[in-house]
N, C-alpha and C. Protein backbone atom coordinates (compact mmCIF):
# COMPACT_ATOMS: atom_id res chain seq x y z
N MET A 1 -7.21 7.80 -0.25
CA MET A 1 -6.48 6.69 -0.80
C MET A 1 -5.16 7.18 -1.39
N THR A 2 -5.19 8.34 -2.02
CA THR A 2 -3.97 8.88 -2.62
C THR A 2 -2.91 9.11 -1.56
N ALA A 3 -3.29 9.65 -0.41
CA ALA A 3 -2.34 9.89 0.67
C ALA A 3 -1.76 8.58 1.19
N LEU A 4 -2.59 7.56 1.32
CA LEU A 4 -2.12 6.27 1.81
C LEU A 4 -1.16 5.61 0.83
N VAL A 5 -1.51 5.63 -0.44
CA VAL A 5 -0.65 4.99 -1.45
C VAL A 5 0.62 5.80 -1.67
N GLY A 6 0.53 7.11 -1.55
CA GLY A 6 1.68 7.97 -1.79
C GLY A 6 2.70 8.00 -0.67
N TYR A 7 2.33 7.55 0.52
CA TYR A 7 3.24 7.58 1.65
C TYR A 7 4.24 6.42 1.53
N ALA A 8 5.48 6.63 1.92
CA ALA A 8 6.55 5.64 1.73
C ALA A 8 6.42 4.45 2.68
N TRP A 9 5.75 4.57 3.80
CA TRP A 9 5.58 3.51 4.80
C TRP A 9 6.91 2.90 5.24
N PRO A 10 7.76 3.74 5.83
CA PRO A 10 9.02 3.19 6.34
C PRO A 10 8.73 2.23 7.49
N GLY A 11 9.51 1.23 7.61
CA GLY A 11 9.29 0.26 8.68
C GLY A 11 8.62 -0.97 8.13
N ASN A 12 7.41 -1.24 8.58
CA ASN A 12 6.73 -2.46 8.14
C ASN A 12 5.23 -2.24 8.02
N VAL A 13 4.53 -3.30 7.79
CA VAL A 13 3.08 -3.24 7.58
C VAL A 13 2.36 -2.78 8.84
N ARG A 14 2.95 -2.98 9.99
CA ARG A 14 2.30 -2.57 11.24
C ARG A 14 2.04 -1.07 11.28
N LYS A 15 2.94 -0.30 10.70
CA LYS A 15 2.74 1.15 10.69
C LYS A 15 1.48 1.50 9.89
N LEU A 16 1.28 0.82 8.78
CA LEU A 16 0.06 1.02 7.99
C LEU A 16 -1.16 0.59 8.79
N GLU A 17 -1.08 -0.56 9.45
CA GLU A 17 -2.20 -1.04 10.26
C GLU A 17 -2.56 -0.04 11.35
N HIS A 18 -1.56 0.51 12.02
CA HIS A 18 -1.81 1.48 13.09
C HIS A 18 -2.43 2.76 12.52
N ALA A 19 -1.98 3.17 11.35
CA ALA A 19 -2.55 4.38 10.74
C ALA A 19 -4.03 4.18 10.40
N ILE A 20 -4.37 3.00 9.89
CA ILE A 20 -5.76 2.71 9.56
C ILE A 20 -6.60 2.62 10.83
N GLU A 21 -6.08 1.95 11.86
CA GLU A 21 -6.81 1.86 13.13
C GLU A 21 -7.07 3.24 13.70
N ARG A 22 -6.06 4.09 13.66
CA ARG A 22 -6.19 5.46 14.17
C ARG A 22 -7.26 6.21 13.39
N ALA A 23 -7.23 6.06 12.08
CA ALA A 23 -8.20 6.77 11.23
C ALA A 23 -9.63 6.30 11.52
N VAL A 24 -9.79 5.00 11.73
CA VAL A 24 -11.12 4.47 12.04
C VAL A 24 -11.63 5.05 13.36
N ILE A 25 -10.75 5.12 14.34
CA ILE A 25 -11.14 5.65 15.66
C ILE A 25 -11.47 7.13 15.58
N LEU A 26 -10.69 7.89 14.82
CA LEU A 26 -10.87 9.34 14.77
C LEU A 26 -11.88 9.82 13.72
N ALA A 27 -12.31 8.92 12.85
CA ALA A 27 -13.23 9.32 11.78
C ALA A 27 -14.49 9.95 12.36
N ARG A 28 -14.90 11.05 11.78
CA ARG A 28 -16.07 11.78 12.26
C ARG A 28 -17.35 11.29 11.62
N GLY A 29 -17.23 10.49 10.61
CA GLY A 29 -18.40 9.98 9.91
C GLY A 29 -18.17 8.53 9.51
N ARG A 30 -18.92 8.11 8.52
CA ARG A 30 -18.80 6.73 8.05
C ARG A 30 -17.66 6.54 7.08
N VAL A 31 -17.11 7.64 6.59
CA VAL A 31 -16.02 7.59 5.62
C VAL A 31 -14.76 8.19 6.25
N ILE A 32 -13.64 7.50 6.07
CA ILE A 32 -12.36 8.01 6.57
C ILE A 32 -11.86 9.07 5.61
N GLY A 33 -11.52 10.23 6.14
CA GLY A 33 -10.99 11.31 5.33
C GLY A 33 -9.52 11.53 5.60
N VAL A 34 -8.90 12.37 4.79
CA VAL A 34 -7.48 12.68 4.96
C VAL A 34 -7.22 13.25 6.34
N ARG A 35 -8.15 14.03 6.86
CA ARG A 35 -7.96 14.65 8.19
C ARG A 35 -7.88 13.62 9.31
N ASP A 36 -8.37 12.39 9.05
CA ASP A 36 -8.34 11.33 10.06
C ASP A 36 -7.03 10.56 10.07
N LEU A 37 -6.19 10.77 9.07
CA LEU A 37 -4.91 10.07 8.97
C LEU A 37 -3.87 10.70 9.89
N PRO A 38 -2.82 9.96 10.24
CA PRO A 38 -1.75 10.53 11.06
C PRO A 38 -1.10 11.71 10.35
N PRO A 39 -0.57 12.67 11.11
CA PRO A 39 0.01 13.88 10.50
C PRO A 39 1.09 13.59 9.47
N GLU A 40 1.95 12.61 9.73
CA GLU A 40 3.04 12.33 8.78
C GLU A 40 2.52 11.82 7.44
N VAL A 41 1.34 11.23 7.43
CA VAL A 41 0.75 10.74 6.18
C VAL A 41 0.03 11.85 5.46
N ARG A 42 -0.79 12.62 6.18
CA ARG A 42 -1.59 13.64 5.51
C ARG A 42 -0.77 14.87 5.14
N GLU A 43 0.36 15.11 5.78
CA GLU A 43 1.15 16.31 5.52
C GLU A 43 2.38 16.06 4.66
N GLN A 44 2.44 14.91 4.01
CA GLN A 44 3.59 14.63 3.17
C GLN A 44 3.61 15.57 1.98
N PRO A 45 4.80 15.99 1.57
CA PRO A 45 4.87 16.90 0.42
C PRO A 45 4.47 16.17 -0.86
N PRO A 46 3.85 16.87 -1.79
CA PRO A 46 3.48 16.23 -3.05
C PRO A 46 4.73 15.81 -3.83
N ALA A 47 4.61 14.74 -4.56
CA ALA A 47 5.74 14.26 -5.35
C ALA A 47 6.04 15.25 -6.46
N ASP A 48 7.31 15.43 -6.74
CA ASP A 48 7.75 16.36 -7.77
C ASP A 48 8.22 15.54 -8.97
N VAL A 49 7.41 15.48 -10.00
CA VAL A 49 7.73 14.67 -11.17
C VAL A 49 8.99 15.16 -11.85
N SER A 50 9.18 16.45 -11.90
CA SER A 50 10.33 16.99 -12.63
C SER A 50 11.66 16.62 -11.96
N ARG A 51 11.66 16.35 -10.67
CA ARG A 51 12.89 15.96 -9.97
C ARG A 51 13.04 14.45 -9.85
N GLY A 52 12.13 13.70 -10.44
CA GLY A 52 12.23 12.25 -10.45
C GLY A 52 11.98 11.60 -9.10
N GLN A 53 11.14 12.18 -8.26
CA GLN A 53 10.89 11.64 -6.94
C GLN A 53 9.79 10.59 -6.91
N LEU A 54 9.16 10.31 -8.02
CA LEU A 54 8.17 9.24 -8.07
C LEU A 54 8.93 7.92 -8.13
N ASP A 55 8.62 7.03 -7.24
CA ASP A 55 9.38 5.79 -7.12
C ASP A 55 8.49 4.59 -7.34
N LEU A 56 8.37 4.16 -8.59
CA LEU A 56 7.52 3.02 -8.93
C LEU A 56 8.03 1.75 -8.24
N LYS A 57 9.32 1.52 -8.29
CA LYS A 57 9.90 0.32 -7.66
C LYS A 57 9.66 0.35 -6.15
N GLY A 58 9.74 1.52 -5.54
CA GLY A 58 9.53 1.63 -4.11
C GLY A 58 8.09 1.35 -3.69
N ASN A 59 7.16 1.60 -4.60
CA ASN A 59 5.74 1.37 -4.30
C ASN A 59 5.28 -0.03 -4.68
N GLU A 60 6.14 -0.77 -5.33
CA GLU A 60 5.78 -2.11 -5.80
C GLU A 60 5.30 -3.04 -4.67
N PRO A 61 6.01 -3.10 -3.53
CA PRO A 61 5.53 -3.99 -2.46
C PRO A 61 4.12 -3.63 -1.98
N ALA A 62 3.85 -2.34 -1.85
CA ALA A 62 2.52 -1.92 -1.38
C ALA A 62 1.45 -2.28 -2.40
N LEU A 63 1.75 -2.14 -3.68
CA LEU A 63 0.79 -2.50 -4.72
C LEU A 63 0.53 -4.00 -4.73
N ILE A 64 1.57 -4.79 -4.54
CA ILE A 64 1.40 -6.24 -4.50
C ILE A 64 0.54 -6.63 -3.31
N ARG A 65 0.82 -6.05 -2.14
CA ARG A 65 0.02 -6.36 -0.96
C ARG A 65 -1.45 -5.98 -1.17
N GLU A 66 -1.67 -4.82 -1.77
CA GLU A 66 -3.03 -4.37 -2.02
C GLU A 66 -3.76 -5.30 -2.99
N ALA A 67 -3.08 -5.74 -4.04
CA ALA A 67 -3.70 -6.67 -4.99
C ALA A 67 -4.03 -7.99 -4.30
N LEU A 68 -3.13 -8.49 -3.48
CA LEU A 68 -3.40 -9.74 -2.75
C LEU A 68 -4.56 -9.57 -1.79
N ARG A 69 -4.65 -8.40 -1.15
CA ARG A 69 -5.75 -8.14 -0.22
C ARG A 69 -7.07 -8.10 -0.98
N ARG A 70 -7.09 -7.38 -2.08
CA ARG A 70 -8.33 -7.24 -2.85
C ARG A 70 -8.85 -8.57 -3.35
N PHE A 71 -7.94 -9.46 -3.70
CA PHE A 71 -8.34 -10.74 -4.28
C PHE A 71 -8.18 -11.88 -3.28
N HIS A 72 -8.17 -11.52 -2.00
CA HIS A 72 -8.18 -12.50 -0.91
C HIS A 72 -7.10 -13.57 -1.07
N GLY A 73 -5.90 -13.14 -1.46
CA GLY A 73 -4.78 -14.05 -1.58
C GLY A 73 -4.72 -14.84 -2.87
N ASN A 74 -5.66 -14.63 -3.78
CA ASN A 74 -5.65 -15.34 -5.05
C ASN A 74 -4.56 -14.74 -5.94
N ARG A 75 -3.44 -15.44 -6.02
CA ARG A 75 -2.29 -14.90 -6.75
C ARG A 75 -2.56 -14.74 -8.25
N LYS A 76 -3.32 -15.65 -8.82
CA LYS A 76 -3.60 -15.57 -10.25
C LYS A 76 -4.38 -14.30 -10.58
N ARG A 77 -5.42 -14.02 -9.78
CA ARG A 77 -6.21 -12.81 -10.02
C ARG A 77 -5.42 -11.54 -9.68
N ALA A 78 -4.60 -11.60 -8.61
CA ALA A 78 -3.77 -10.45 -8.25
C ALA A 78 -2.76 -10.16 -9.36
N ALA A 79 -2.17 -11.20 -9.91
CA ALA A 79 -1.21 -11.03 -11.00
C ALA A 79 -1.88 -10.40 -12.22
N ALA A 80 -3.08 -10.87 -12.54
CA ALA A 80 -3.81 -10.30 -13.68
C ALA A 80 -4.10 -8.83 -13.45
N ALA A 81 -4.49 -8.46 -12.23
CA ALA A 81 -4.79 -7.06 -11.92
C ALA A 81 -3.53 -6.19 -12.01
N LEU A 82 -2.39 -6.77 -11.67
CA LEU A 82 -1.12 -6.04 -11.73
C LEU A 82 -0.49 -6.10 -13.12
N ASN A 83 -1.12 -6.83 -14.03
CA ASN A 83 -0.64 -6.97 -15.40
C ASN A 83 0.73 -7.65 -15.46
N VAL A 84 0.91 -8.68 -14.63
CA VAL A 84 2.12 -9.50 -14.65
C VAL A 84 1.69 -10.97 -14.62
N SER A 85 2.61 -11.84 -14.94
CA SER A 85 2.29 -13.27 -14.89
C SER A 85 2.30 -13.73 -13.43
N PRO A 86 1.61 -14.82 -13.11
CA PRO A 86 1.65 -15.35 -11.75
C PRO A 86 3.06 -15.69 -11.29
N VAL A 87 3.91 -16.15 -12.21
CA VAL A 87 5.30 -16.47 -11.86
C VAL A 87 6.05 -15.19 -11.49
N THR A 88 5.83 -14.13 -12.25
CA THR A 88 6.47 -12.84 -11.95
C THR A 88 6.01 -12.33 -10.59
N LEU A 89 4.71 -12.45 -10.32
CA LEU A 89 4.19 -12.02 -9.02
C LEU A 89 4.86 -12.82 -7.90
N TRP A 90 4.95 -14.12 -8.08
CA TRP A 90 5.58 -14.97 -7.06
C TRP A 90 7.03 -14.54 -6.82
N ARG A 91 7.77 -14.27 -7.90
CA ARG A 91 9.18 -13.83 -7.77
C ARG A 91 9.28 -12.50 -7.03
N LYS A 92 8.38 -11.58 -7.36
CA LYS A 92 8.41 -10.27 -6.69
C LYS A 92 8.04 -10.42 -5.21
N MET A 93 7.07 -11.28 -4.92
CA MET A 93 6.71 -11.52 -3.52
C MET A 93 7.91 -12.08 -2.76
N LYS A 94 8.62 -12.99 -3.38
CA LYS A 94 9.80 -13.58 -2.76
C LYS A 94 10.89 -12.52 -2.55
N ARG A 95 11.12 -11.68 -3.57
CA ARG A 95 12.15 -10.64 -3.48
C ARG A 95 11.85 -9.62 -2.37
N PHE A 96 10.57 -9.25 -2.23
CA PHE A 96 10.19 -8.26 -1.23
C PHE A 96 9.84 -8.87 0.12
N GLY A 97 9.92 -10.19 0.22
CA GLY A 97 9.60 -10.85 1.49
C GLY A 97 8.12 -10.80 1.83
N ILE A 98 7.29 -10.84 0.83
CA ILE A 98 5.84 -10.81 1.02
C ILE A 98 5.33 -12.25 1.03
N ASN A 99 4.59 -12.58 2.07
CA ASN A 99 3.97 -13.91 2.09
C ASN A 99 2.46 -13.74 2.17
N ASP A 100 1.74 -14.83 2.11
CA ASP A 100 0.28 -14.76 2.09
C ASP A 100 -0.29 -14.09 3.34
N ALA A 101 0.41 -14.16 4.46
CA ALA A 101 -0.08 -13.53 5.68
C ALA A 101 -0.04 -12.02 5.61
N ASP A 102 0.78 -11.45 4.73
CA ASP A 102 0.91 -9.99 4.61
C ASP A 102 -0.30 -9.34 3.97
N ARG A 103 -1.18 -10.11 3.38
CA ARG A 103 -2.30 -9.51 2.65
C ARG A 103 -3.39 -9.01 3.57
N ASP A 104 -3.43 -9.43 4.84
CA ASP A 104 -4.52 -9.04 5.74
C ASP A 104 -4.20 -7.78 6.48
């Protein structure tokens, strides 16, 4: 999970979908491991806190999508999990171009 959340996911959600599909196909057991992920995801360099490479704003869209997925599109519950108001969540979804279809 850390590798998936830590990856920048350039492009769009399809790249994430393809990575998950690949991992499911290549998984050697019932649990997907880091070794089952695409090379660009599993071999990413660790973030360097001292150089300021952690990008909270850059990860915001992925966190919003994950919260919406976990709560099956329930914006009120997703907002509570993200510790923001439902209105703030709606504004962020609008700013990042996230719609209800992006949660699946």
